[in-house]
């Protein structure tokens, strides 16, 4: 009877640890592609101007170059990983700011061969 609360507590703790590992398991390339997808969505909706898009893509390129620089020796130290995550966080905030500022452009329109308008996201 006394073993049951210990077993339940152990399973609960193991579940929480497993959840925290999977939540953090998103890799660099996954995060970078998610950010680029957000940029493309902002361009398609007109929330991000072409000038802002250029700045965001340049920022993404700099983050990628920083990672390549850090991996030049073959491994990524904890300090380098933290620096890279901070840089990705800053890039993420910049995307948010550009998508939610008051600058808007008319979203690009695409037409099929029959002349019908469709959106490309």
Protein backbone atom coordinates (compact mmCIF):
# COMPACT_ATOMS: atom_id res chain seq x y z
CA UNK A 1 0.00 0.00 0.00
CA UNK A 2 2.83 2.44 0.81
CA UNK A 3 4.62 1.66 -2.44
CA UNK A 4 1.80 3.05 -4.56
CA UNK A 5 2.40 6.79 -3.77
CA UNK A 6 6.14 6.32 -4.42
CA UNK A 7 5.46 4.66 -7.76
CA UNK A 8 2.98 7.35 -8.75
CA UNK A 9 5.41 10.11 -7.76
CA UNK A 10 8.23 8.43 -9.71
CA UNK A 11 6.09 8.08 -12.84
CA UNK A 12 4.94 11.68 -12.56
CA UNK A 13 8.52 12.92 -12.18
CA UNK A 14 9.68 10.79 -15.12
CA UNK A 15 6.84 12.18 -17.24
CA UNK A 16 7.75 15.75 -16.39
CA UNK A 17 11.42 15.17 -17.17
CA UNK A 18 10.51 13.55 -20.47
CA UNK A 19 8.27 16.49 -21.38
CA UNK A 20 10.98 19.04 -20.60
CA UNK A 21 13.46 17.17 -22.80
CA UNK A 22 11.10 17.02 -25.77
CA UNK A 23 10.14 20.68 -25.43
CA UNK A 24 13.80 21.65 -25.67
CA UNK A 25 14.65 19.16 -28.40
CA UNK A 26 13.87 21.56 -31.26
CA UNK A 27 17.14 21.87 -33.12
CA UNK A 28 18.84 24.85 -34.66
CA UNK A 29 17.81 24.05 -38.22
CA UNK A 30 14.20 23.48 -37.16
CA UNK A 31 14.09 26.81 -35.37
CA UNK A 32 15.77 28.62 -38.25
CA UNK A 33 13.31 27.14 -40.76
CA UNK A 34 10.37 28.09 -38.51
CA UNK A 35 11.63 31.67 -38.37
CA UNK A 36 12.09 31.79 -42.14
CA UNK A 37 8.56 30.44 -42.55
CA UNK A 38 7.27 33.25 -40.30
CA UNK A 39 9.14 35.77 -42.44
CA UNK A 40 7.65 34.34 -45.65
CA UNK A 41 4.18 34.44 -44.07
CA UNK A 42 4.67 38.07 -43.09
CA UNK A 43 5.74 38.95 -46.62
CA UNK A 44 2.77 37.13 -48.13
CA UNK A 45 0.31 38.87 -45.82
CA UNK A 46 1.87 42.30 -46.32
CA UNK A 47 2.88 42.66 -42.66
CA UNK A 48 6.58 42.73 -43.55
CA UNK A 49 7.83 45.22 -46.12
CA UNK A 50 10.51 44.24 -48.66
CA UNK A 51 13.08 46.34 -46.81
CA UNK A 52 12.24 44.66 -43.49
CA UNK A 53 12.38 41.27 -45.18
CA UNK A 54 15.88 42.03 -46.44
CA UNK A 55 16.99 42.94 -42.93
CA UNK A 56 15.41 39.79 -41.47
CA UNK A 57 16.98 37.50 -44.07
CA UNK A 58 20.35 39.17 -43.48
CA UNK A 59 19.91 38.59 -39.75
CA UNK A 60 19.07 34.91 -40.38
CA UNK A 61 22.19 34.60 -42.52
CA UNK A 62 24.34 36.13 -39.75
CA UNK A 63 22.94 33.66 -37.22
CA UNK A 64 23.74 30.80 -39.58
CA UNK A 65 27.28 32.13 -40.10
CA UNK A 66 27.74 32.44 -36.33
CA UNK A 67 26.79 28.79 -35.90
CA UNK A 68 29.23 27.76 -38.62
CA UNK A 69 31.93 29.78 -36.86
CA UNK A 70 31.17 28.11 -33.52
CA UNK A 71 31.22 24.65 -35.10
CA UNK A 72 34.54 25.22 -36.85
CA UNK A 73 36.38 23.30 -34.12
CA UNK A 74 33.94 20.40 -34.32
CA UNK A 75 31.86 20.92 -31.19
CA UNK A 76 29.54 23.45 -29.66
CA UNK A 77 30.35 24.45 -26.08
CA UNK A 78 27.68 25.36 -23.57
CA UNK A 79 28.70 29.02 -23.78
CA UNK A 80 28.51 28.99 -27.57
CA UNK A 81 25.14 27.23 -27.45
CA UNK A 82 23.79 29.86 -25.04
CA UNK A 83 25.12 32.67 -27.23
CA UNK A 84 23.49 31.09 -30.26
CA UNK A 85 20.15 30.66 -28.45
CA UNK A 86 20.24 34.29 -27.28
CA UNK A 87 20.92 35.39 -30.86
CA UNK A 88 18.01 33.28 -32.12
CA UNK A 89 15.75 34.77 -29.43
CA UNK A 90 16.75 38.27 -30.52
CA UNK A 91 16.06 37.34 -34.14
CA UNK A 92 12.68 35.97 -33.12
CA UNK A 93 11.79 39.23 -31.36
CA UNK A 94 12.84 41.21 -34.42
CA UNK A 95 10.51 39.15 -36.61
CA UNK A 96 7.69 39.79 -34.14
CA UNK A 97 8.39 43.55 -34.09
CA UNK A 98 8.44 43.82 -37.88
CA UNK A 99 5.24 41.79 -38.23
CA UNK A 100 3.40 43.91 -35.67
CA UNK A 101 4.56 47.42 -36.49
CA UNK A 102 2.29 49.78 -38.41
CA UNK A 103 4.15 49.52 -41.71
CA UNK A 104 2.13 47.56 -44.24
CA UNK A 105 2.37 46.85 -47.93
CA UNK A 106 -0.14 45.46 -50.35
CA UNK A 107 0.42 41.69 -50.36
CA UNK A 108 1.67 40.35 -53.67
CA UNK A 109 -1.07 38.98 -55.90
CA UNK A 110 -0.65 35.85 -57.91
CA UNK A 111 -2.81 34.82 -60.82
CA UNK A 112 -3.28 31.48 -62.49
CA UNK A 113 -3.53 31.05 -66.26
CA UNK A 114 -7.27 31.67 -66.21
CA UNK A 115 -6.74 35.04 -64.53
CA UNK A 116 -8.10 33.99 -61.15
CA UNK A 117 -6.43 35.46 -58.09
CA UNK A 118 -5.01 33.16 -55.45
CA UNK A 119 -2.92 33.73 -52.34
CA UNK A 120 0.49 32.14 -51.91
CA UNK A 121 1.48 31.58 -48.28
